[in-house]
PDB file of N, CA and C in Angstrom:
ATOM      1  N   MET A   1     -15.524   3.343 -30.550  1.00  0.00           N
ATOM      2  CA  MET A   1     -16.301   2.347 -31.288  1.00  0.00           C
ATOM      3  C   MET A   1     -15.597   1.005 -31.200  1.00  0.00           C
ATOM      4  N   ASP A   2     -16.357  -0.030 -31.208  1.00  0.00           N
ATOM      5  CA  ASP A   2     -15.868  -1.393 -31.112  1.00  0.00           C
ATOM      6  C   ASP A   2     -14.889  -1.704 -32.249  1.00  0.00           C
ATOM      7  N   THR A   3     -13.681  -2.139 -31.884  1.00  0.00           N
ATOM      8  CA  THR A   3     -12.635  -2.411 -32.873  1.00  0.00           C
ATOM      9  C   THR A   3     -13.027  -3.533 -33.825  1.00  0.00           C
ATOM     10  N   LEU A   4     -13.598  -4.618 -33.286  1.00  0.00           N
ATOM     11  CA  LEU A   4     -14.013  -5.730 -34.142  1.00  0.00           C
ATOM     12  C   LEU A   4     -15.058  -5.272 -35.148  1.00  0.00           C
ATOM     13  N   LEU A   5     -16.042  -4.539 -34.684  1.00  0.00           N
ATOM     14  CA  LEU A   5     -17.076  -4.022 -35.587  1.00  0.00           C
ATOM     15  C   LEU A   5     -16.451  -3.157 -36.673  1.00  0.00           C
ATOM     16  N   ASN A   6     -15.549  -2.272 -36.296  1.00  0.00           N
ATOM     17  CA  ASN A   6     -14.894  -1.392 -37.268  1.00  0.00           C
ATOM     18  C   ASN A   6     -14.103  -2.197 -38.297  1.00  0.00           C
ATOM     19  N   ARG A   7     -13.348  -3.173 -37.843  1.00  0.00           N
ATOM     20  CA  ARG A   7     -12.556  -3.991 -38.772  1.00  0.00           C
ATOM     21  C   ARG A   7     -13.436  -4.779 -39.731  1.00  0.00           C
ATOM     22  N   ILE A   8     -14.534  -5.339 -39.210  1.00  0.00           N
ATOM     23  CA  ILE A   8     -15.441  -6.095 -40.073  1.00  0.00           C
ATOM     24  C   ILE A   8     -16.119  -5.164 -41.073  1.00  0.00           C
ATOM     25  N   PHE A   9     -16.559  -4.002 -40.613  1.00  0.00           N
ATOM     26  CA  PHE A   9     -17.166  -3.029 -41.520  1.00  0.00           C
ATOM     27  C   PHE A   9     -16.196  -2.676 -42.647  1.00  0.00           C
ATOM     28  N   GLN A  10     -14.960  -2.379 -42.297  1.00  0.00           N
ATOM     29  CA  GLN A  10     -13.967  -2.011 -43.312  1.00  0.00           C
ATOM     30  C   GLN A  10     -13.700  -3.170 -44.277  1.00  0.00           C
ATOM     31  N   ALA A  11     -13.706  -4.408 -43.772  1.00  0.00           N
ATOM     32  CA  ALA A  11     -13.490  -5.576 -44.633  1.00  0.00           C
ATOM     33  C   ALA A  11     -14.618  -5.724 -45.642  1.00  0.00           C
ATOM     34  N   VAL A  12     -15.858  -5.560 -45.183  1.00  0.00           N
ATOM     35  CA  VAL A  12     -17.012  -5.681 -46.081  1.00  0.00           C
ATOM     36  C   VAL A  12     -16.975  -4.571 -47.121  1.00  0.00           C
ATOM     37  N   ASP A  13     -16.663  -3.363 -46.692  1.00  0.00           N
ATOM     38  CA  ASP A  13     -16.574  -2.240 -47.614  1.00  0.00           C
ATOM     39  C   ASP A  13     -15.440  -2.456 -48.631  1.00  0.00           C
ATOM     40  N   TYR A  14     -14.296  -2.924 -48.161  1.00  0.00           N
ATOM     41  CA  TYR A  14     -13.140  -3.176 -49.028  1.00  0.00           C
ATOM     42  C   TYR A  14     -13.456  -4.216 -50.108  1.00  0.00           C
ATOM     43  N   LYS A  15     -14.228  -5.230 -49.736  1.00  0.00           N
ATOM     44  CA  LYS A  15     -14.595  -6.284 -50.690  1.00  0.00           C
ATOM     45  C   LYS A  15     -15.861  -5.937 -51.478  1.00  0.00           C
ATOM     46  N   GLN A  16     -16.270  -4.673 -51.397  1.00  0.00           N
ATOM     47  CA  GLN A  16     -17.364  -4.111 -52.195  1.00  0.00           C
ATOM     48  C   GLN A  16     -18.741  -4.649 -51.813  1.00  0.00           C
ATOM     49  N   GLY A  17     -18.939  -4.889 -50.525  1.00  0.00           N
ATOM     50  CA  GLY A  17     -20.283  -5.171 -50.039  1.00  0.00           C
ATOM     51  C   GLY A  17     -21.106  -3.892 -50.144  1.00  0.00           C
ATOM     52  N   ASP A  18     -22.354  -4.003 -50.490  1.00  0.00           N
ATOM     53  CA  ASP A  18     -23.216  -2.833 -50.703  1.00  0.00           C
ATOM     54  C   ASP A  18     -24.204  -2.656 -49.555  1.00  0.00           C
ATOM     55  N   ASP A  19     -24.690  -1.419 -49.430  1.00  0.00           N
ATOM     56  CA  ASP A  19     -25.772  -1.090 -48.484  1.00  0.00           C
ATOM     57  C   ASP A  19     -25.517  -1.661 -47.092  1.00  0.00           C
ATOM     58  N   ILE A  20     -24.379  -1.325 -46.517  1.00  0.00           N
ATOM     59  CA  ILE A  20     -24.010  -1.838 -45.198  1.00  0.00           C
ATOM     60  C   ILE A  20     -24.827  -1.110 -44.128  1.00  0.00           C
ATOM     61  N   VAL A  21     -25.489  -1.898 -43.296  1.00  0.00           N
ATOM     62  CA  VAL A  21     -26.286  -1.367 -42.187  1.00  0.00           C
ATOM     63  C   VAL A  21     -25.813  -2.056 -40.912  1.00  0.00           C
ATOM     64  N   ILE A  22     -25.648  -1.269 -39.855  1.00  0.00           N
ATOM     65  CA  ILE A  22     -25.254  -1.823 -38.560  1.00  0.00           C
ATOM     66  C   ILE A  22     -26.369  -1.519 -37.563  1.00  0.00           C
ATOM     67  N   ILE A  23     -26.872  -2.566 -36.936  1.00  0.00           N
ATOM     68  CA  ILE A  23     -27.926  -2.420 -35.939  1.00  0.00           C
ATOM     69  C   ILE A  23     -27.313  -2.639 -34.566  1.00  0.00           C
ATOM     70  N   ASP A  24     -27.545  -1.687 -33.668  1.00  0.00           N
ATOM     71  CA  ASP A  24     -26.988  -1.711 -32.318  1.00  0.00           C
ATOM     72  C   ASP A  24     -27.919  -2.503 -31.402  1.00  0.00           C
ATOM     73  N   LEU A  25     -27.476  -3.674 -30.989  1.00  0.00           N
ATOM     74  CA  LEU A  25     -28.281  -4.555 -30.133  1.00  0.00           C
ATOM     75  C   LEU A  25     -27.856  -4.493 -28.668  1.00  0.00           C
ATOM     76  N   ARG A  26     -26.868  -3.634 -28.357  1.00  0.00           N
ATOM     77  CA  ARG A  26     -26.416  -3.537 -26.966  1.00  0.00           C
ATOM     78  C   ARG A  26     -27.591  -3.107 -26.085  1.00  0.00           C
ATOM     79  N   GLY A  27     -27.729  -3.760 -24.972  1.00  0.00           N
ATOM     80  CA  GLY A  27     -28.825  -3.468 -24.065  1.00  0.00           C
ATOM     81  C   GLY A  27     -30.124  -4.168 -24.438  1.00  0.00           C
ATOM     82  N   PHE A  28     -30.135  -4.802 -25.590  1.00  0.00           N
ATOM     83  CA  PHE A  28     -31.328  -5.510 -26.045  1.00  0.00           C
ATOM     84  C   PHE A  28     -31.103  -7.020 -26.086  1.00  0.00           C
ATOM     85  N   SER A  29     -29.914  -7.414 -26.507  1.00  0.00           N
ATOM     86  CA  SER A  29     -29.592  -8.833 -26.623  1.00  0.00           C
ATOM     87  C   SER A  29     -28.428  -9.178 -25.701  1.00  0.00           C
ATOM     88  N   PRO A  30     -28.547 -10.246 -24.915  1.00  0.00           N
ATOM     89  CA  PRO A  30     -27.431 -10.656 -24.070  1.00  0.00           C
ATOM     90  C   PRO A  30     -26.355 -11.442 -24.837  1.00  0.00           C
ATOM     91  N   PHE A  31     -26.609 -11.758 -26.087  1.00  0.00           N
ATOM     92  CA  PHE A  31     -25.708 -12.622 -26.849  1.00  0.00           C
ATOM     93  C   PHE A  31     -24.871 -11.902 -27.896  1.00  0.00           C
ATOM     94  N   VAL A  32     -25.346 -10.794 -28.409  1.00  0.00           N
ATOM     95  CA  VAL A  32     -24.666 -10.113 -29.505  1.00  0.00           C
ATOM     96  C   VAL A  32     -24.815  -8.605 -29.327  1.00  0.00           C
ATOM     97  N   ASP A  33     -23.780  -7.866 -29.702  1.00  0.00           N
ATOM     98  CA  ASP A  33     -23.822  -6.404 -29.603  1.00  0.00           C
ATOM     99  C   ASP A  33     -24.307  -5.749 -30.894  1.00  0.00           C
ATOM    100  N   TYR A  34     -23.925  -6.329 -32.041  1.00  0.00           N
ATOM    101  CA  TYR A  34     -24.239  -5.694 -33.319  1.00  0.00           C
ATOM    102  C   TYR A  34     -24.616  -6.735 -34.369  1.00  0.00           C
ATOM    103  N   PHE A  35     -25.539  -6.349 -35.224  1.00  0.00           N
ATOM    104  CA  PHE A  35     -25.766  -7.041 -36.490  1.00  0.00           C
ATOM    105  C   PHE A  35     -25.187  -6.139 -37.572  1.00  0.00           C
ATOM    106  N   LEU A  36     -24.394  -6.718 -38.437  1.00  0.00           N
ATOM    107  CA  LEU A  36     -23.955  -6.016 -39.638  1.00  0.00           C
ATOM    108  C   LEU A  36     -24.643  -6.711 -40.800  1.00  0.00           C
ATOM    109  N   ILE A  37     -25.386  -5.936 -41.580  1.00  0.00           N
ATOM    110  CA  ILE A  37     -26.143  -6.475 -42.708  1.00  0.00           C
ATOM    111  C   ILE A  37     -25.603  -5.826 -43.979  1.00  0.00           C
ATOM    112  N   ALA A  38     -25.339  -6.636 -44.986  1.00  0.00           N
ATOM    113  CA  ALA A  38     -24.818  -6.097 -46.247  1.00  0.00           C
ATOM    114  C   ALA A  38     -25.301  -6.954 -47.411  1.00  0.00           C
ATOM    115  N   THR A  39     -25.154  -6.396 -48.595  1.00  0.00           N
ATOM    116  CA  THR A  39     -25.545  -7.078 -49.823  1.00  0.00           C
ATOM    117  C   THR A  39     -24.311  -7.357 -50.669  1.00  0.00           C
ATOM    118  N   ALA A  40     -24.262  -8.566 -51.223  1.00  0.00           N
ATOM    119  CA  ALA A  40     -23.225  -8.930 -52.193  1.00  0.00           C
ATOM    120  C   ALA A  40     -23.878  -9.007 -53.562  1.00  0.00           C
ATOM    121  N   ARG A  41     -23.151  -8.641 -54.585  1.00  0.00           N
ATOM    122  CA  ARG A  41     -23.718  -8.606 -55.941  1.00  0.00           C
ATOM    123  C   ARG A  41     -24.032  -9.993 -56.487  1.00  0.00           C
ATOM    124  N   ASN A  42     -23.320 -10.994 -55.984  1.00  0.00           N
ATOM    125  CA  ASN A  42     -23.593 -12.373 -56.387  1.00  0.00           C
ATOM    126  C   ASN A  42     -23.025 -13.308 -55.324  1.00  0.00           C
ATOM    127  N   GLU A  43     -23.285 -14.593 -55.447  1.00  0.00           N
ATOM    128  CA  GLU A  43     -22.870 -15.533 -54.417  1.00  0.00           C
ATOM    129  C   GLU A  43     -21.355 -15.735 -54.381  1.00  0.00           C
ATOM    130  N   ARG A  44     -20.723 -15.618 -55.514  1.00  0.00           N
ATOM    131  CA  ARG A  44     -19.256 -15.743 -55.532  1.00  0.00           C
ATOM    132  C   ARG A  44     -18.622 -14.599 -54.754  1.00  0.00           C
ATOM    133  N   MET A  45     -19.130 -13.387 -54.974  1.00  0.00           N
ATOM    134  CA  MET A  45     -18.629 -12.226 -54.243  1.00  0.00           C
ATOM    135  C   MET A  45     -18.929 -12.379 -52.753  1.00  0.00           C
ATOM    136  N   ALA A  46     -20.087 -12.926 -52.432  1.00  0.00           N
ATOM    137  CA  ALA A  46     -20.449 -13.148 -51.028  1.00  0.00           C
ATOM    138  C   ALA A  46     -19.430 -14.058 -50.356  1.00  0.00           C
ATOM    139  N   GLY A  47     -19.022 -15.105 -51.050  1.00  0.00           N
ATOM    140  CA  GLY A  47     -18.019 -16.013 -50.495  1.00  0.00           C
ATOM    141  C   GLY A  47     -16.712 -15.310 -50.189  1.00  0.00           C
ATOM    142  N   ALA A  48     -16.288 -14.406 -51.069  1.00  0.00           N
ATOM    143  CA  ALA A  48     -15.054 -13.647 -50.849  1.00  0.00           C
ATOM    144  C   ALA A  48     -15.196 -12.713 -49.653  1.00  0.00           C
ATOM    145  N   ILE A  49     -16.356 -12.102 -49.501  1.00  0.00           N
ATOM    146  CA  ILE A  49     -16.595 -11.214 -48.368  1.00  0.00           C
ATOM    147  C   ILE A  49     -16.597 -12.012 -47.063  1.00  0.00           C
ATOM    148  N   VAL A  50     -17.255 -13.160 -47.063  1.00  0.00           N
ATOM    149  CA  VAL A  50     -17.287 -14.016 -45.875  1.00  0.00           C
ATOM    150  C   VAL A  50     -15.869 -14.408 -45.471  1.00  0.00           C
ATOM    151  N   ASP A  51     -15.048 -14.795 -46.436  1.00  0.00           N
ATOM    152  CA  ASP A  51     -13.670 -15.178 -46.140  1.00  0.00           C
ATOM    153  C   ASP A  51     -12.897 -14.006 -45.529  1.00  0.00           C
ATOM    154  N   GLU A  52     -13.125 -12.807 -46.039  1.00  0.00           N
ATOM    155  CA  GLU A  52     -12.436 -11.614 -45.516  1.00  0.00           C
ATOM    156  C   GLU A  52     -12.906 -11.291 -44.101  1.00  0.00           C
ATOM    157  N   ILE A  53     -14.204 -11.428 -43.846  1.00  0.00           N
ATOM    158  CA  ILE A  53     -14.729 -11.197 -42.495  1.00  0.00           C
ATOM    159  C   ILE A  53     -14.091 -12.179 -41.517  1.00  0.00           C
ATOM    160  N   GLU A  54     -14.034 -13.442 -41.903  1.00  0.00           N
ATOM    161  CA  GLU A  54     -13.426 -14.447 -41.030  1.00  0.00           C
ATOM    162  C   GLU A  54     -11.963 -14.103 -40.746  1.00  0.00           C
ATOM    163  N   LYS A  55     -11.247 -13.702 -41.757  1.00  0.00           N
ATOM    164  CA  LYS A  55      -9.831 -13.365 -41.617  1.00  0.00           C
ATOM    165  C   LYS A  55      -9.629 -12.213 -40.635  1.00  0.00           C
ATOM    166  N   VAL A  56     -10.354 -11.116 -40.814  1.00  0.00           N
ATOM    167  CA  VAL A  56     -10.142  -9.953 -39.935  1.00  0.00           C
ATOM    168  C   VAL A  56     -10.666 -10.217 -38.527  1.00  0.00           C
ATOM    169  N   ALA A  57     -11.701 -11.029 -38.394  1.00  0.00           N
ATOM    170  CA  ALA A  57     -12.198 -11.371 -37.055  1.00  0.00           C
ATOM    171  C   ALA A  57     -11.129 -12.131 -36.281  1.00  0.00           C
ATOM    172  N   ILE A  58     -10.523 -13.105 -36.920  1.00  0.00           N
ATOM    173  CA  ILE A  58      -9.471 -13.892 -36.272  1.00  0.00           C
ATOM    174  C   ILE A  58      -8.270 -13.006 -35.962  1.00  0.00           C
ATOM    175  N   GLU A  59      -7.876 -12.155 -36.902  1.00  0.00           N
ATOM    176  CA  GLU A  59      -6.761 -11.236 -36.670  1.00  0.00           C
ATOM    177  C   GLU A  59      -7.041 -10.289 -35.506  1.00  0.00           C
ATOM    178  N   SER A  60      -8.307  -9.982 -35.278  1.00  0.00           N
ATOM    179  CA  SER A  60      -8.699  -9.080 -34.190  1.00  0.00           C
ATOM    180  C   SER A  60      -8.812  -9.805 -32.855  1.00  0.00           C
ATOM    181  N   GLY A  61      -8.604 -11.115 -32.860  1.00  0.00           N
ATOM    182  CA  GLY A  61      -8.660 -11.891 -31.633  1.00  0.00           C
ATOM    183  C   GLY A  61     -10.039 -12.432 -31.306  1.00  0.00           C
ATOM    184  N   ALA A  62     -10.982 -12.270 -32.206  1.00  0.00           N
ATOM    185  CA  ALA A  62     -12.329 -12.786 -31.971  1.00  0.00           C
ATOM    186  C   ALA A  62     -12.375 -14.272 -32.297  1.00  0.00           C
ATOM    187  N   LYS A  63     -13.229 -14.959 -31.601  1.00  0.00           N
ATOM    188  CA  LYS A  63     -13.465 -16.370 -31.915  1.00  0.00           C
ATOM    189  C   LYS A  63     -14.658 -16.424 -32.870  1.00  0.00           C
ATOM    190  N   VAL A  64     -14.433 -16.949 -34.052  1.00  0.00           N
ATOM    191  CA  VAL A  64     -15.518 -17.108 -35.008  1.00  0.00           C
ATOM    192  C   VAL A  64     -16.294 -18.355 -34.585  1.00  0.00           C
ATOM    193  N   ILE A  65     -17.510 -18.126 -34.106  1.00  0.00           N
ATOM    194  CA  ILE A  65     -18.321 -19.201 -33.542  1.00  0.00           C
ATOM    195  C   ILE A  65     -18.938 -20.067 -34.628  1.00  0.00           C
ATOM    196  N   GLY A  66     -19.306 -19.455 -35.734  1.00  0.00           N
ATOM    197  CA  GLY A  66     -19.890 -20.230 -36.816  1.00  0.00           C
ATOM    198  C   GLY A  66     -20.001 -19.436 -38.098  1.00  0.00           C
ATOM    199  N   ILE A  67     -19.960 -20.162 -39.184  1.00  0.00           N
ATOM    200  CA  ILE A  67     -20.126 -19.578 -40.513  1.00  0.00           C
ATOM    201  C   ILE A  67     -21.064 -20.478 -41.296  1.00  0.00           C
ATOM    202  N   ASP A  68     -22.064 -19.865 -41.891  1.00  0.00           N
ATOM    203  CA  ASP A  68     -22.958 -20.605 -42.783  1.00  0.00           C
ATOM    204  C   ASP A  68     -22.891 -19.935 -44.136  1.00  0.00           C
ATOM    205  N   LYS A  69     -22.249 -20.597 -45.066  1.00  0.00           N
ATOM    206  CA  LYS A  69     -22.198 -20.070 -46.435  1.00  0.00           C
ATOM    207  C   LYS A  69     -22.646 -21.146 -47.412  1.00  0.00           C
ATOM    208  N   SER A  70     -23.833 -21.639 -47.132  1.00  0.00           N
ATOM    209  CA  SER A  70     -24.428 -22.668 -47.979  1.00  0.00           C
ATOM    210  C   SER A  70     -24.616 -22.141 -49.393  1.00  0.00           C
ATOM    211  N   LYS A  71     -24.227 -22.918 -50.344  1.00  0.00           N
ATOM    212  CA  LYS A  71     -24.396 -22.517 -51.742  1.00  0.00           C
ATOM    213  C   LYS A  71     -25.864 -22.377 -52.080  1.00  0.00           C
ATOM    214  N   ASP A  72     -26.145 -21.399 -52.905  1.00  0.00           N
ATOM    215  CA  ASP A  72     -27.481 -21.151 -53.446  1.00  0.00           C
ATOM    216  C   ASP A  72     -28.519 -20.696 -52.413  1.00  0.00           C
ATOM    217  N   SER A  73     -28.092 -20.358 -51.199  1.00  0.00           N
ATOM    218  CA  SER A  73     -29.067 -19.904 -50.203  1.00  0.00           C
ATOM    219  C   SER A  73     -29.339 -18.411 -50.340  1.00  0.00           C
ATOM    220  N   GLY A  74     -28.322 -17.653 -50.762  1.00  0.00           N
ATOM    221  CA  GLY A  74     -28.482 -16.211 -50.862  1.00  0.00           C
ATOM    222  C   GLY A  74     -28.362 -15.495 -49.533  1.00  0.00           C
ATOM    223  N   TRP A  75     -28.147 -16.232 -48.434  1.00  0.00           N
ATOM    224  CA  TRP A  75     -27.990 -15.645 -47.100  1.00  0.00           C
ATOM    225  C   TRP A  75     -26.795 -16.319 -46.441  1.00  0.00           C
ATOM    226  N   PHE A  76     -25.800 -15.524 -46.109  1.00  0.00           N
ATOM    227  CA  PHE A  76     -24.574 -16.015 -45.495  1.00  0.00           C
ATOM    228  C   PHE A  76     -24.478 -15.415 -44.095  1.00  0.00           C
ATOM    229  N   LEU A  77     -24.143 -16.221 -43.126  1.00  0.00           N
ATOM    230  CA  LEU A  77     -24.121 -15.785 -41.735  1.00  0.00           C
ATOM    231  C   LEU A  77     -22.744 -16.047 -41.141  1.00  0.00           C
ATOM    232  N   ILE A  78     -22.187 -15.033 -40.482  1.00  0.00           N
ATOM    233  CA  ILE A  78     -20.907 -15.164 -39.812  1.00  0.00           C
ATOM    234  C   ILE A  78     -21.102 -14.701 -38.379  1.00  0.00           C
ATOM    235  N   ASP A  79     -20.924 -15.598 -37.421  1.00  0.00           N
ATOM    236  CA  ASP A  79     -21.051 -15.265 -36.009  1.00  0.00           C
ATOM    237  C   ASP A  79     -19.650 -15.082 -35.443  1.00  0.00           C
ATOM    238  N   ALA A  80     -19.283 -13.829 -35.200  1.00  0.00           N
ATOM    239  CA  ALA A  80     -17.970 -13.506 -34.653  1.00  0.00           C
ATOM    240  C   ALA A  80     -18.093 -13.045 -33.198  1.00  0.00           C
ATOM    241  N   GLY A  81     -19.038 -13.611 -32.492  1.00  0.00           N
ATOM    242  CA  GLY A  81     -19.207 -13.269 -31.082  1.00  0.00           C
ATOM    243  C   GLY A  81     -20.049 -12.019 -30.911  1.00  0.00           C
ATOM    244  N   SER A  82     -19.403 -10.899 -30.640  1.00  0.00           N
ATOM    245  CA  SER A  82     -20.152  -9.661 -30.400  1.00  0.00           C
ATOM    246  C   SER A  82     -20.741  -9.063 -31.680  1.00  0.00           C
ATOM    247  N   VAL A  83     -20.251  -9.508 -32.833  1.00  0.00           N
ATOM    248  CA  VAL A  83     -20.748  -9.026 -34.120  1.00  0.00           C
ATOM    249  C   VAL A  83     -21.229 -10.221 -34.940  1.00  0.00           C
ATOM    250  N   VAL A  84     -22.488 -10.173 -35.348  1.00  0.00           N
ATOM    251  CA  VAL A  84     -23.031 -11.201 -36.235  1.00  0.00           C
ATOM    252  C   VAL A  84     -23.316 -10.537 -37.571  1.00  0.00           C
ATOM    253  N   CYS A  85     -22.749 -11.096 -38.629  1.00  0.00           N
ATOM    254  CA  CYS A  85     -22.879 -10.525 -39.965  1.00  0.00           C
ATOM    255  C   CYS A  85     -23.877 -11.335 -40.785  1.00  0.00           C
ATOM    256  N   HIS A  86     -24.769 -10.612 -41.425  1.00  0.00           N
ATOM    257  CA  HIS A  86     -25.739 -11.210 -42.342  1.00  0.00           C
ATOM    258  C   HIS A  86     -25.424 -10.640 -43.719  1.00  0.00           C
ATOM    259  N   LEU A  87     -25.016 -11.482 -44.611  1.00  0.00           N
ATOM    260  CA  LEU A  87     -24.663 -11.070 -45.963  1.00  0.00           C
ATOM    261  C   LEU A  87     -25.642 -11.735 -46.921  1.00  0.00           C
ATOM    262  N   PHE A  88     -26.280 -10.915 -47.736  1.00  0.00           N
ATOM    263  CA  PHE A  88     -27.335 -11.398 -48.619  1.00  0.00           C
ATOM    264  C   PHE A  88     -27.058 -11.068 -50.078  1.00  0.00           C
ATOM    265  N   THR A  89     -27.670 -11.846 -50.969  1.00  0.00           N
ATOM    266  CA  THR A  89     -27.846 -11.374 -52.334  1.00  0.00           C
ATOM    267  C   THR A  89     -29.009 -10.377 -52.272  1.00  0.00           C
ATOM    268  N   LYS A  90     -29.136  -9.540 -53.281  1.00  0.00           N
ATOM    269  CA  LYS A  90     -30.165  -8.491 -53.270  1.00  0.00           C
ATOM    270  C   LYS A  90     -31.570  -9.086 -53.096  1.00  0.00           C
ATOM    271  N   GLU A  91     -31.868 -10.107 -53.840  1.00  0.00           N
ATOM    272  CA  GLU A  91     -33.200 -10.717 -53.789  1.00  0.00           C
ATOM    273  C   GLU A  91     -33.531 -11.231 -52.385  1.00  0.00           C
ATOM    274  N   LYS A  92     -32.583 -11.911 -51.749  1.00  0.00           N
ATOM    275  CA  LYS A  92     -32.827 -12.469 -50.416  1.00  0.00           C
ATOM    276  C   LYS A  92     -32.871 -11.375 -49.351  1.00  0.00           C
ATOM    277  N   ARG A  93     -32.091 -10.340 -49.528  1.00  0.00           N
ATOM    278  CA  ARG A  93     -32.143  -9.242 -48.548  1.00  0.00           C
ATOM    279  C   ARG A  93     -33.512  -8.564 -48.573  1.00  0.00           C
ATOM    280  N   ASP A  94     -34.018  -8.340 -49.768  1.00  0.00           N
ATOM    281  CA  ASP A  94     -35.353  -7.752 -49.885  1.00  0.00           C
ATOM    282  C   ASP A  94     -36.410  -8.679 -49.284  1.00  0.00           C
ATOM    283  N   TYR A  95     -36.257  -9.966 -49.504  1.00  0.00           N
ATOM    284  CA  TYR A  95     -37.234 -10.939 -49.027  1.00  0.00           C
ATOM    285  C   TYR A  95     -37.259 -11.015 -47.491  1.00  0.00           C
ATOM    286  N   TYR A  96     -36.083 -11.135 -46.869  1.00  0.00           N
ATOM    287  CA  TYR A  96     -36.029 -11.314 -45.416  1.00  0.00           C
ATOM    288  C   TYR A  96     -36.155 -10.004 -44.639  1.00  0.00           C
ATOM    289  N   ASN A  97     -35.716  -8.895 -45.219  1.00  0.00           N
ATOM    290  CA  ASN A  97     -35.901  -7.565 -44.645  1.00  0.00           C
ATOM    291  C   ASN A  97     -35.553  -7.494 -43.153  1.00  0.00           C
ATOM    292  N   LEU A  98     -34.335  -7.870 -42.794  1.00  0.00           N
ATOM    293  CA  LEU A  98     -33.927  -7.829 -41.397  1.00  0.00           C
ATOM    294  C   LEU A  98     -33.985  -6.415 -40.817  1.00  0.00           C
ATOM    295  N   GLU A  99     -33.662  -5.421 -41.636  1.00  0.00           N
ATOM    296  CA  GLU A  99     -33.740  -4.040 -41.139  1.00  0.00           C
ATOM    297  C   GLU A  99     -35.163  -3.710 -40.681  1.00  0.00           C
ATOM    298  N   GLY A 100     -36.151  -4.212 -41.391  1.00  0.00           N
ATOM    299  CA  GLY A 100     -37.539  -3.980 -41.014  1.00  0.00           C
ATOM    300  C   GLY A 100     -37.904  -4.679 -39.713  1.00  0.00           C
ATOM    301  N   LEU A 101     -37.353  -5.875 -39.514  1.00  0.00           N
ATOM    302  CA  LEU A 101     -37.629  -6.610 -38.276  1.00  0.00           C
ATOM    303  C   LEU A 101     -37.038  -5.911 -37.052  1.00  0.00           C
ATOM    304  N   TRP A 102     -35.899  -5.238 -37.259  1.00  0.00           N
ATOM    305  CA  TRP A 102     -35.186  -4.579 -36.167  1.00  0.00           C
ATOM    306  C   TRP A 102     -35.281  -3.058 -36.269  1.00  0.00           C
ATOM    307  N   LYS A 103     -36.313  -2.547 -36.907  1.00  0.00           N
ATOM    308  CA  LYS A 103     -36.418  -1.115 -37.198  1.00  0.00           C
ATOM    309  C   LYS A 103     -36.497  -0.226 -35.965  1.00  0.00           C
ATOM    310  N   ASP A 104     -36.890  -0.771 -34.822  1.00  0.00           N
ATOM    311  CA  ASP A 104     -37.012   0.042 -33.612  1.00  0.00           C
ATOM    312  C   ASP A 104     -35.683   0.237 -32.882  1.00  0.00           C
ATOM    313  N   LEU A 105     -34.658  -0.470 -33.299  1.00  0.00           N
ATOM    314  CA  LEU A 105     -33.356  -0.344 -32.661  1.00  0.00           C
ATOM    315  C   LEU A 105     -32.487   0.649 -33.427  1.00  0.00           C
ATOM    316  N   PRO A 106     -31.548   1.288 -32.726  1.00  0.00           N
ATOM    317  CA  PRO A 106     -30.704   2.278 -33.401  1.00  0.00           C
ATOM    318  C   PRO A 106     -29.753   1.648 -34.413  1.00  0.00           C
ATOM    319  N   GLN A 107     -29.475   2.421 -35.444  1.00  0.00           N
ATOM    320  CA  GLN A 107     -28.470   2.023 -36.431  1.00  0.00           C
ATOM    321  C   GLN A 107     -27.240   2.898 -36.236  1.00  0.00           C
ATOM    322  N   ILE A 108     -26.090   2.337 -36.524  1.00  0.00           N
ATOM    323  CA  ILE A 108     -24.818   3.025 -36.349  1.00  0.00           C
ATOM    324  C   ILE A 108     -24.257   3.365 -37.722  1.00  0.00           C
ATOM    325  N   GLU A 109     -23.852   4.600 -37.883  1.00  0.00           N
ATOM    326  CA  GLU A 109     -23.169   5.032 -39.103  1.00  0.00           C
ATOM    327  C   GLU A 109     -21.670   4.849 -38.899  1.00  0.00           C
ATOM    328  N   MET A 110     -21.005   4.253 -39.866  1.00  0.00           N
ATOM    329  CA  MET A 110     -19.549   4.033 -39.773  1.00  0.00           C
ATOM    330  C   MET A 110     -18.879   4.808 -40.902  1.00  0.00           C
ATOM    331  N   PRO A 111     -17.788   5.500 -40.582  1.00  0.00           N
ATOM    332  CA  PRO A 111     -17.037   6.190 -41.642  1.00  0.00           C
ATOM    333  C   PRO A 111     -16.232   5.195 -42.453  1.00  0.00           C
ATOM    334  N   LYS A 112     -16.236   5.391 -43.745  1.00  0.00           N
ATOM    335  CA  LYS A 112     -15.407   4.543 -44.614  1.00  0.00           C
ATOM    336  C   LYS A 112     -14.007   5.125 -44.638  1.00  0.00           C
ATOM    337  N   THR A 113     -13.024   4.240 -44.674  1.00  0.00           N
ATOM    338  CA  THR A 113     -11.639   4.688 -44.774  1.00  0.00           C
ATOM    339  C   THR A 113     -11.013   4.052 -45.997  1.00  0.00           C
ATOM    340  N   THR A 114      -9.981   4.677 -46.475  1.00  0.00           N
ATOM    341  CA  THR A 114      -9.270   4.117 -47.626  1.00  0.00           C
ATOM    342  C   THR A 114      -8.103   3.247 -47.168  1.00  0.00           C
ATOM    343  N   ASN A 115      -7.820   3.251 -45.867  1.00  0.00           N
ATOM    344  CA  ASN A 115      -6.700   2.478 -45.333  1.00  0.00           C
ATOM    345  C   ASN A 115      -7.206   1.200 -44.694  1.00  0.00           C
ATOM    346  N   PHE A 116      -7.383   0.171 -45.490  1.00  0.00           N
ATOM    347  CA  PHE A 116      -7.859  -1.082 -44.919  1.00  0.00           C
ATOM    348  C   PHE A 116      -6.727  -1.944 -44.541  1.00  0.00           C
TER     349      PHE A 116
END
């Protein structure tokens, strides 16, 4: 499994991101391999998760291409190259329903570890 994806998944889980879904875009998109979608309980928590994702991406040698953590948007985006993370508040995740838009693509199950 992709090391960057695994590290980002563990970071989101460690910072208590909820309902983590990974969509496998390999073979479908020439620009990104995975979408990681998760929910934060509030915008402050989302900011902490975004910071942790950025930290582990850089530690993994990935170039963080862009981060959008606009206040009050409810949707935070982190482009770490092969992995693009979409972090939402519950209301915005339900509204945008990215899983529904990409429902025909496979999802990847990741094991949670206690050693982050």
